[in-house]
Each structure stands twice: as structure tokens, then as C-alpha cells.
Full PDB file with SEQRES, HELIX, SHEET, SSBOND, CRYST1, ORIGX, SCALE, CONECT and MASTER records, all heavy atoms in Angstrom:
SEQRES   1 A   33  SER ASP VAL PRO SER SER LEU VAL VAL PHE LEU VAL ALA          
SEQRES   2 A   33  LEU PRO LEU CYS LEU GLY VAL ALA LEU ALA SER THR GLY          
SEQRES   3 A   33  ASP ASN PRO ASN LEU PHE SER                                  
HELIX    1 AA1 ASP A    2  SER A   24  1                                  23    
CRYST1    1.000    1.000    1.000  90.00  90.00  90.00 P 1           1          
ORIGX1      1.000000  0.000000  0.000000        0.00000                         
ORIGX2      0.000000  1.000000  0.000000        0.00000                         
ORIGX3      0.000000  0.000000  1.000000        0.00000                         
SCALE1      1.000000  0.000000  0.000000        0.00000                         
SCALE2      0.000000  1.000000  0.000000        0.00000                         
SCALE3      0.000000  0.000000  1.000000        0.00000                         
ATOM      1  N   SER A   1       0.828  -1.215   0.000  1.00  0.00           N  
ATOM      2  CA  SER A   1       0.000   0.000   0.000  1.00  0.00           C  
ATOM      3  C   SER A   1       0.856   1.256   0.000  1.00  0.00           C  
ATOM      4  O   SER A   1       0.518   2.260  -0.645  1.00  0.00           O  
ATOM      5  CB  SER A   1      -0.908   0.022   1.233  1.00  0.00           C  
ATOM      6  OG  SER A   1      -1.769  -1.083   1.258  1.00  0.00           O  
ATOM      7  N   ASP A   2       1.973   1.211   0.719  1.00  0.00           N  
ATOM      8  CA  ASP A   2       2.780   2.419   0.914  1.00  0.00           C  
ATOM      9  C   ASP A   2       3.575   2.832  -0.317  1.00  0.00           C  
ATOM     10  O   ASP A   2       3.757   4.027  -0.563  1.00  0.00           O  
ATOM     11  CB  ASP A   2       3.737   2.212   2.096  1.00  0.00           C  
ATOM     12  CG  ASP A   2       3.000   2.148   3.422  1.00  0.00           C  
ATOM     13  OD1 ASP A   2       1.925   2.775   3.518  1.00  0.00           O  
ATOM     14  OD2 ASP A   2       3.487   1.475   4.348  1.00  0.00           O  
ATOM     15  N   VAL A   3       4.054   1.875  -1.106  1.00  0.00           N  
ATOM     16  CA  VAL A   3       4.857   2.228  -2.285  1.00  0.00           C  
ATOM     17  C   VAL A   3       4.021   3.001  -3.311  1.00  0.00           C  
ATOM     18  O   VAL A   3       4.440   4.073  -3.775  1.00  0.00           O  
ATOM     19  CB  VAL A   3       5.510   0.968  -2.908  1.00  0.00           C  
ATOM     20  CG1 VAL A   3       6.164   1.319  -4.238  1.00  0.00           C  
ATOM     21  CG2 VAL A   3       6.553   0.382  -1.949  1.00  0.00           C  
ATOM     22  N   PRO A   4       2.828   2.506  -3.705  1.00  0.00           N  
ATOM     23  CA  PRO A   4       2.007   3.305  -4.631  1.00  0.00           C  
ATOM     24  C   PRO A   4       1.601   4.662  -4.044  1.00  0.00           C  
ATOM     25  O   PRO A   4       1.560   5.663  -4.757  1.00  0.00           O  
ATOM     26  CB  PRO A   4       0.766   2.430  -4.856  1.00  0.00           C  
ATOM     27  CG  PRO A   4       1.180   1.053  -4.492  1.00  0.00           C  
ATOM     28  CD  PRO A   4       2.193   1.207  -3.405  1.00  0.00           C  
ATOM     29  N   SER A   5       1.354   4.688  -2.739  1.00  0.00           N  
ATOM     30  CA  SER A   5       0.971   5.951  -2.097  1.00  0.00           C  
ATOM     31  C   SER A   5       2.108   6.964  -2.150  1.00  0.00           C  
ATOM     32  O   SER A   5       1.882   8.162  -2.358  1.00  0.00           O  
ATOM     33  CB  SER A   5       0.588   5.705  -0.629  1.00  0.00           C  
ATOM     34  OG  SER A   5      -0.505   4.831  -0.532  1.00  0.00           O  
ATOM     35  N   SER A   6       3.325   6.488  -1.958  1.00  0.00           N  
ATOM     36  CA  SER A   6       4.475   7.396  -1.998  1.00  0.00           C  
ATOM     37  C   SER A   6       4.617   8.041  -3.370  1.00  0.00           C  
ATOM     38  O   SER A   6       5.031   9.204  -3.482  1.00  0.00           O  
ATOM     39  CB  SER A   6       5.762   6.637  -1.633  1.00  0.00           C  
ATOM     40  OG  SER A   6       6.122   5.712  -2.650  1.00  0.00           O  
ATOM     41  N   LEU A   7       4.286   7.310  -4.418  1.00  0.00           N  
ATOM     42  CA  LEU A   7       4.351   7.861  -5.776  1.00  0.00           C  
ATOM     43  C   LEU A   7       3.335   8.985  -5.945  1.00  0.00           C  
ATOM     44  O   LEU A   7       3.636  10.035  -6.527  1.00  0.00           O  
ATOM     45  CB  LEU A   7       4.098   6.750  -6.801  1.00  0.00           C  
ATOM     46  CG  LEU A   7       4.151   7.180  -8.273  1.00  0.00           C  
ATOM     47  CD1 LEU A   7       5.527   7.740  -8.615  1.00  0.00           C  
ATOM     48  CD2 LEU A   7       3.809   6.009  -9.193  1.00  0.00           C  
ATOM     49  N   VAL A   8       2.126   8.783  -5.418  1.00  0.00           N  
ATOM     50  CA  VAL A   8       1.086   9.820  -5.498  1.00  0.00           C  
ATOM     51  C   VAL A   8       1.533  11.072  -4.742  1.00  0.00           C  
ATOM     52  O   VAL A   8       1.432  12.196  -5.254  1.00  0.00           O  
ATOM     53  CB  VAL A   8      -0.248   9.296  -4.919  1.00  0.00           C  
ATOM     54  CG1 VAL A   8      -1.273  10.430  -4.815  1.00  0.00           C  
ATOM     55  CG2 VAL A   8      -0.801   8.172  -5.785  1.00  0.00           C  
ATOM     56  N   VAL A   9       2.060  10.896  -3.532  1.00  0.00           N  
ATOM     57  CA  VAL A   9       2.510  12.033  -2.727  1.00  0.00           C  
ATOM     58  C   VAL A   9       3.668  12.744  -3.420  1.00  0.00           C  
ATOM     59  O   VAL A   9       3.744  13.981  -3.437  1.00  0.00           O  
ATOM     60  CB  VAL A   9       2.925  11.587  -1.309  1.00  0.00           C  
ATOM     61  CG1 VAL A   9       3.403  12.786  -0.489  1.00  0.00           C  
ATOM     62  CG2 VAL A   9       1.767  10.919  -0.600  1.00  0.00           C  
ATOM     63  N   PHE A  10       4.557  11.988  -4.024  1.00  0.00           N  
ATOM     64  CA  PHE A  10       5.679  12.567  -4.779  1.00  0.00           C  
ATOM     65  C   PHE A  10       5.171  13.456  -5.909  1.00  0.00           C  
ATOM     66  O   PHE A  10       5.657  14.578  -6.109  1.00  0.00           O  
ATOM     67  CB  PHE A  10       6.556  11.438  -5.333  1.00  0.00           C  
ATOM     68  CG  PHE A  10       7.414  11.834  -6.498  1.00  0.00           C  
ATOM     69  CD1 PHE A  10       8.520  12.659  -6.331  1.00  0.00           C  
ATOM     70  CD2 PHE A  10       7.109  11.392  -7.781  1.00  0.00           C  
ATOM     71  CE1 PHE A  10       9.296  13.035  -7.411  1.00  0.00           C  
ATOM     72  CE2 PHE A  10       7.878  11.753  -8.863  1.00  0.00           C  
ATOM     73  CZ  PHE A  10       8.983  12.574  -8.694  1.00  0.00           C  
ATOM     74  N   LEU A  11       4.156  12.987  -6.641  1.00  0.00           N  
ATOM     75  CA  LEU A  11       3.611  13.746  -7.765  1.00  0.00           C  
ATOM     76  C   LEU A  11       2.913  15.023  -7.288  1.00  0.00           C  
ATOM     77  O   LEU A  11       2.901  16.034  -7.990  1.00  0.00           O  
ATOM     78  CB  LEU A  11       2.631  12.884  -8.569  1.00  0.00           C  
ATOM     79  CG  LEU A  11       3.242  11.679  -9.288  1.00  0.00           C  
ATOM     80  CD1 LEU A  11       2.163  10.830  -9.938  1.00  0.00           C  
ATOM     81  CD2 LEU A  11       4.263  12.132 -10.323  1.00  0.00           C  
ATOM     82  N   VAL A  12       2.321  14.967  -6.097  1.00  0.00           N  
ATOM     83  CA  VAL A  12       1.712  16.163  -5.507  1.00  0.00           C  
ATOM     84  C   VAL A  12       2.793  17.122  -5.014  1.00  0.00           C  
ATOM     85  O   VAL A  12       2.715  18.341  -5.215  1.00  0.00           O  
ATOM     86  CB  VAL A  12       0.769  15.780  -4.344  1.00  0.00           C  
ATOM     87  CG1 VAL A  12       0.290  17.021  -3.593  1.00  0.00           C  
ATOM     88  CG2 VAL A  12      -0.426  14.985  -4.860  1.00  0.00           C  
ATOM     89  N   ALA A  13       3.824  16.567  -4.369  1.00  0.00           N  
ATOM     90  CA  ALA A  13       4.837  17.381  -3.704  1.00  0.00           C  
ATOM     91  C   ALA A  13       5.785  18.074  -4.678  1.00  0.00           C  
ATOM     92  O   ALA A  13       6.218  19.205  -4.413  1.00  0.00           O  
ATOM     93  CB  ALA A  13       5.642  16.516  -2.729  1.00  0.00           C  
ATOM     94  N   LEU A  14       6.115  17.433  -5.793  1.00  0.00           N  
ATOM     95  CA  LEU A  14       7.121  17.983  -6.704  1.00  0.00           C  
ATOM     96  C   LEU A  14       6.766  19.394  -7.178  1.00  0.00           C  
ATOM     97  O   LEU A  14       7.570  20.322  -6.994  1.00  0.00           O  
ATOM     98  CB  LEU A  14       7.336  17.034  -7.888  1.00  0.00           C  
ATOM     99  CG  LEU A  14       8.339  17.513  -8.951  1.00  0.00           C  
ATOM    100  CD1 LEU A  14       9.720  17.707  -8.332  1.00  0.00           C  
ATOM    101  CD2 LEU A  14       8.400  16.531 -10.120  1.00  0.00           C  
ATOM    102  N   PRO A  15       5.597  19.603  -7.794  1.00  0.00           N  
ATOM    103  CA  PRO A  15       5.296  20.979  -8.230  1.00  0.00           C  
ATOM    104  C   PRO A  15       5.133  21.952  -7.073  1.00  0.00           C  
ATOM    105  O   PRO A  15       5.465  23.135  -7.200  1.00  0.00           O  
ATOM    106  CB  PRO A  15       3.980  20.814  -9.013  1.00  0.00           C  
ATOM    107  CG  PRO A  15       3.393  19.524  -8.573  1.00  0.00           C  
ATOM    108  CD  PRO A  15       4.536  18.658  -8.201  1.00  0.00           C  
ATOM    109  N   LEU A  16       4.653  21.459  -5.912  1.00  0.00           N  
ATOM    110  CA  LEU A  16       4.488  22.346  -4.762  1.00  0.00           C  
ATOM    111  C   LEU A  16       5.840  22.769  -4.185  1.00  0.00           C  
ATOM    112  O   LEU A  16       6.019  23.919  -3.795  1.00  0.00           O  
ATOM    113  CB  LEU A  16       3.640  21.672  -3.686  1.00  0.00           C  
ATOM    114  CG  LEU A  16       2.156  21.509  -4.031  1.00  0.00           C  
ATOM    115  CD1 LEU A  16       1.434  20.734  -2.931  1.00  0.00           C  
ATOM    116  CD2 LEU A  16       1.486  22.855  -4.256  1.00  0.00           C  
ATOM    117  N   CYS A  17       6.790  21.850  -4.119  1.00  0.00           N  
ATOM    118  CA  CYS A  17       8.145  22.185  -3.636  1.00  0.00           C  
ATOM    119  C   CYS A  17       8.783  23.240  -4.540  1.00  0.00           C  
ATOM    120  O   CYS A  17       9.384  24.211  -4.063  1.00  0.00           O  
ATOM    121  CB  CYS A  17       9.028  20.941  -3.596  1.00  0.00           C  
ATOM    122  SG  CYS A  17       8.652  19.797  -2.257  1.00  0.00           S  
ATOM    123  N   LEU A  18       8.650  23.048  -5.851  1.00  0.00           N  
ATOM    124  CA  LEU A  18       9.198  24.018  -6.804  1.00  0.00           C  
ATOM    125  C   LEU A  18       8.487  25.359  -6.679  1.00  0.00           C  
ATOM    126  O   LEU A  18       9.113  26.424  -6.696  1.00  0.00           O  
ATOM    127  CB  LEU A  18       9.067  23.486  -8.232  1.00  0.00           C  
ATOM    128  CG  LEU A  18       9.942  22.274  -8.601  1.00  0.00           C  
ATOM    129  CD1 LEU A  18       9.549  21.714  -9.954  1.00  0.00           C  
ATOM    130  CD2 LEU A  18      11.420  22.641  -8.587  1.00  0.00           C  
ATOM    131  N   GLY A  19       7.149  25.299  -6.544  1.00  0.00           N  
ATOM    132  CA  GLY A  19       6.365  26.527  -6.460  1.00  0.00           C  
ATOM    133  C   GLY A  19       6.654  27.320  -5.207  1.00  0.00           C  
ATOM    134  O   GLY A  19       6.810  28.550  -5.259  1.00  0.00           O  
ATOM    135  N   VAL A  20       6.740  26.650  -4.069  1.00  0.00           N  
ATOM    136  CA  VAL A  20       7.020  27.341  -2.808  1.00  0.00           C  
ATOM    137  C   VAL A  20       8.420  27.950  -2.843  1.00  0.00           C  
ATOM    138  O   VAL A  20       8.633  29.082  -2.383  1.00  0.00           O  
ATOM    139  CB  VAL A  20       6.875  26.374  -1.610  1.00  0.00           C  
ATOM    140  CG1 VAL A  20       7.375  27.020  -0.324  1.00  0.00           C  
ATOM    141  CG2 VAL A  20       5.419  25.958  -1.445  1.00  0.00           C  
ATOM    142  N   ALA A  21       9.388  27.221  -3.413  1.00  0.00           N  
ATOM    143  CA  ALA A  21      10.753  27.754  -3.526  1.00  0.00           C  
ATOM    144  C   ALA A  21      10.785  28.967  -4.449  1.00  0.00           C  
ATOM    145  O   ALA A  21      11.484  29.955  -4.180  1.00  0.00           O  
ATOM    146  CB  ALA A  21      11.696  26.669  -4.047  1.00  0.00           C  
ATOM    147  N   LEU A  22      10.035  28.907  -5.537  1.00  0.00           N  
ATOM    148  CA  LEU A  22       9.961  30.033  -6.461  1.00  0.00           C  
ATOM    149  C   LEU A  22       9.415  31.270  -5.755  1.00  0.00           C  
ATOM    150  O   LEU A  22       9.960  32.374  -5.889  1.00  0.00           O  
ATOM    151  CB  LEU A  22       9.064  29.665  -7.650  1.00  0.00           C  
ATOM    152  CG  LEU A  22       8.676  30.800  -8.603  1.00  0.00           C  
ATOM    153  CD1 LEU A  22       9.911  31.312  -9.332  1.00  0.00           C  
ATOM    154  CD2 LEU A  22       7.628  30.325  -9.605  1.00  0.00           C  
ATOM    155  N   ALA A  23       8.341  31.101  -4.996  1.00  0.00           N  
ATOM    156  CA  ALA A  23       7.708  32.231  -4.317  1.00  0.00           C  
ATOM    157  C   ALA A  23       8.541  32.736  -3.142  1.00  0.00           C  
ATOM    158  O   ALA A  23       8.480  33.913  -2.796  1.00  0.00           O  
ATOM    159  CB  ALA A  23       6.324  31.827  -3.821  1.00  0.00           C  
ATOM    160  N   SER A  24       9.335  31.854  -2.540  1.00  0.00           N  
ATOM    161  CA  SER A  24      10.053  32.197  -1.312  1.00  0.00           C  
ATOM    162  C   SER A  24      11.376  32.909  -1.554  1.00  0.00           C  
ATOM    163  O   SER A  24      11.802  33.713  -0.715  1.00  0.00           O  
ATOM    164  CB  SER A  24      10.327  30.934  -0.488  1.00  0.00           C  
ATOM    165  OG  SER A  24       9.143  30.294  -0.117  1.00  0.00           O  
ATOM    166  N   THR A  25      12.031  32.602  -2.662  1.00  0.00           N  
ATOM    167  CA  THR A  25      13.424  33.036  -2.812  1.00  0.00           C  
ATOM    168  C   THR A  25      13.622  34.180  -3.791  1.00  0.00           C  
ATOM    169  O   THR A  25      14.737  34.499  -4.172  1.00  0.00           O  
ATOM    170  CB  THR A  25      14.313  31.845  -3.200  1.00  0.00           C  
ATOM    171  OG1 THR A  25      13.753  31.172  -4.339  1.00  0.00           O  
ATOM    172  CG2 THR A  25      14.424  30.847  -2.062  1.00  0.00           C  
ATOM    173  N   GLY A  26      12.518  34.798  -4.224  1.00  0.00           N  
ATOM    174  CA  GLY A  26      12.620  36.061  -4.931  1.00  0.00           C  
ATOM    175  C   GLY A  26      13.124  35.989  -6.348  1.00  0.00           C  
ATOM    176  O   GLY A  26      12.848  35.051  -7.088  1.00  0.00           O  
ATOM    177  N   ASP A  27      13.899  37.004  -6.742  1.00  0.00           N  
ATOM    178  CA  ASP A  27      14.284  37.194  -8.137  1.00  0.00           C  
ATOM    179  C   ASP A  27      15.293  36.162  -8.631  1.00  0.00           C  
ATOM    180  O   ASP A  27      15.330  35.847  -9.819  1.00  0.00           O  
ATOM    181  CB  ASP A  27      14.861  38.599  -8.321  1.00  0.00           C  
ATOM    182  CG  ASP A  27      15.219  38.876  -9.767  1.00  0.00           C  
ATOM    183  OD1 ASP A  27      14.334  38.720 -10.630  1.00  0.00           O  
ATOM    184  OD2 ASP A  27      16.383  39.214 -10.030  1.00  0.00           O  
ATOM    185  N   ASN A  28      16.124  35.658  -7.734  1.00  0.00           N  
ATOM    186  CA  ASN A  28      17.096  34.619  -8.121  1.00  0.00           C  
ATOM    187  C   ASN A  28      16.678  33.312  -7.454  1.00  0.00           C  
ATOM    188  O   ASN A  28      17.248  32.906  -6.444  1.00  0.00           O  
ATOM    189  CB  ASN A  28      18.512  35.014  -7.686  1.00  0.00           C  
ATOM    190  CG  ASN A  28      18.971  36.282  -8.379  1.00  0.00           C  
ATOM    191  OD1 ASN A  28      18.951  36.364  -9.604  1.00  0.00           O  
ATOM    192  ND2 ASN A  28      19.372  37.278  -7.598  1.00  0.00           N  
ATOM    193  N   PRO A  29      15.664  32.655  -8.012  1.00  0.00           N  
ATOM    194  CA  PRO A  29      15.058  31.506  -7.315  1.00  0.00           C  
ATOM    195  C   PRO A  29      16.046  30.376  -7.044  1.00  0.00           C  
ATOM    196  O   PRO A  29      16.791  29.959  -7.930  1.00  0.00           O  
ATOM    197  CB  PRO A  29      13.966  31.039  -8.287  1.00  0.00           C  
ATOM    198  CG  PRO A  29      13.713  32.208  -9.184  1.00  0.00           C  
ATOM    199  CD  PRO A  29      15.028  32.920  -9.304  1.00  0.00           C  
ATOM    200  N   ASN A  30      16.048  29.932  -5.806  1.00  0.00           N  
ATOM    201  CA  ASN A  30      16.840  28.758  -5.430  1.00  0.00           C  
ATOM    202  C   ASN A  30      15.855  27.595  -5.297  1.00  0.00           C  
ATOM    203  O   ASN A  30      15.399  27.275  -4.212  1.00  0.00           O  
ATOM    204  CB  ASN A  30      17.572  29.036  -4.114  1.00  0.00           C  
ATOM    205  CG  ASN A  30      18.391  27.849  -3.643  1.00  0.00           C  
ATOM    206  OD1 ASN A  30      18.415  26.795  -4.291  1.00  0.00           O  
ATOM    207  ND2 ASN A  30      19.056  28.004  -2.524  1.00  0.00           N  
ATOM    208  N   LEU A  31      15.525  26.981  -6.444  1.00  0.00           N  
ATOM    209  CA  LEU A  31      14.487  25.955  -6.449  1.00  0.00           C  
ATOM    210  C   LEU A  31      14.939  24.674  -5.755  1.00  0.00           C  
ATOM    211  O   LEU A  31      14.116  23.932  -5.219  1.00  0.00           O  
ATOM    212  CB  LEU A  31      14.062  25.648  -7.888  1.00  0.00           C  
ATOM    213  CG  LEU A  31      13.507  26.851  -8.672  1.00  0.00           C  
ATOM    214  CD1 LEU A  31      12.977  26.404 -10.019  1.00  0.00           C  
ATOM    215  CD2 LEU A  31      12.415  27.556  -7.897  1.00  0.00           C  
ATOM    216  N   PHE A  32      16.227  24.428  -5.750  1.00  0.00           N  
ATOM    217  CA  PHE A  32      16.720  23.224  -5.071  1.00  0.00           C  
ATOM    218  C   PHE A  32      16.436  23.288  -3.579  1.00  0.00           C  
ATOM    219  O   PHE A  32      16.232  22.251  -2.930  1.00  0.00           O  
ATOM    220  CB  PHE A  32      18.218  23.039  -5.314  1.00  0.00           C  
ATOM    221  CG  PHE A  32      18.779  21.813  -4.644  1.00  0.00           C  
ATOM    222  CD1 PHE A  32      18.482  20.545  -5.121  1.00  0.00           C  
ATOM    223  CD2 PHE A  32      19.579  21.929  -3.513  1.00  0.00           C  
ATOM    224  CE1 PHE A  32      18.974  19.408  -4.490  1.00  0.00           C  
ATOM    225  CE2 PHE A  32      20.087  20.799  -2.882  1.00  0.00           C  
ATOM    226  CZ  PHE A  32      19.784  19.537  -3.372  1.00  0.00           C  
ATOM    227  N   SER A  33      16.388  24.514  -3.011  1.00  0.00           N  
ATOM    228  CA  SER A  33      16.111  24.641  -1.569  1.00  0.00           C  
ATOM    229  C   SER A  33      14.725  24.093  -1.235  1.00  0.00           C  
ATOM    230  O   SER A  33      14.512  23.544  -0.151  1.00  0.00           O  
ATOM    231  CB  SER A  33      16.215  26.106  -1.130  1.00  0.00           C  
ATOM    232  OG  SER A  33      15.209  26.893  -1.753  1.00  0.00           O  
TER     233      SER A  33                                                      
MASTER        0    0    0    1    0    0    0    6  232    1    0    3          
END                                                                             
């Protein structure tokens, strides 16, 4: 159950992690953060 669930959470988290980093770090985005 957990392996398929982790894939779903990963797909949700990836764009959100990038988006939050974009909004948080200003003009020179540090998306890896």
C-alpha cells in the first residue's frame, strides 16, 4: 500500500516544492532549496 501511495505524494509534492521555492526566494530563485 505504501509504495504506490508514496508515488502519489511525490507527484503532488514535486510541483508544490518548486512553487514554494519560487515564491520564497525572490528574483534569483533557489528551487533546489
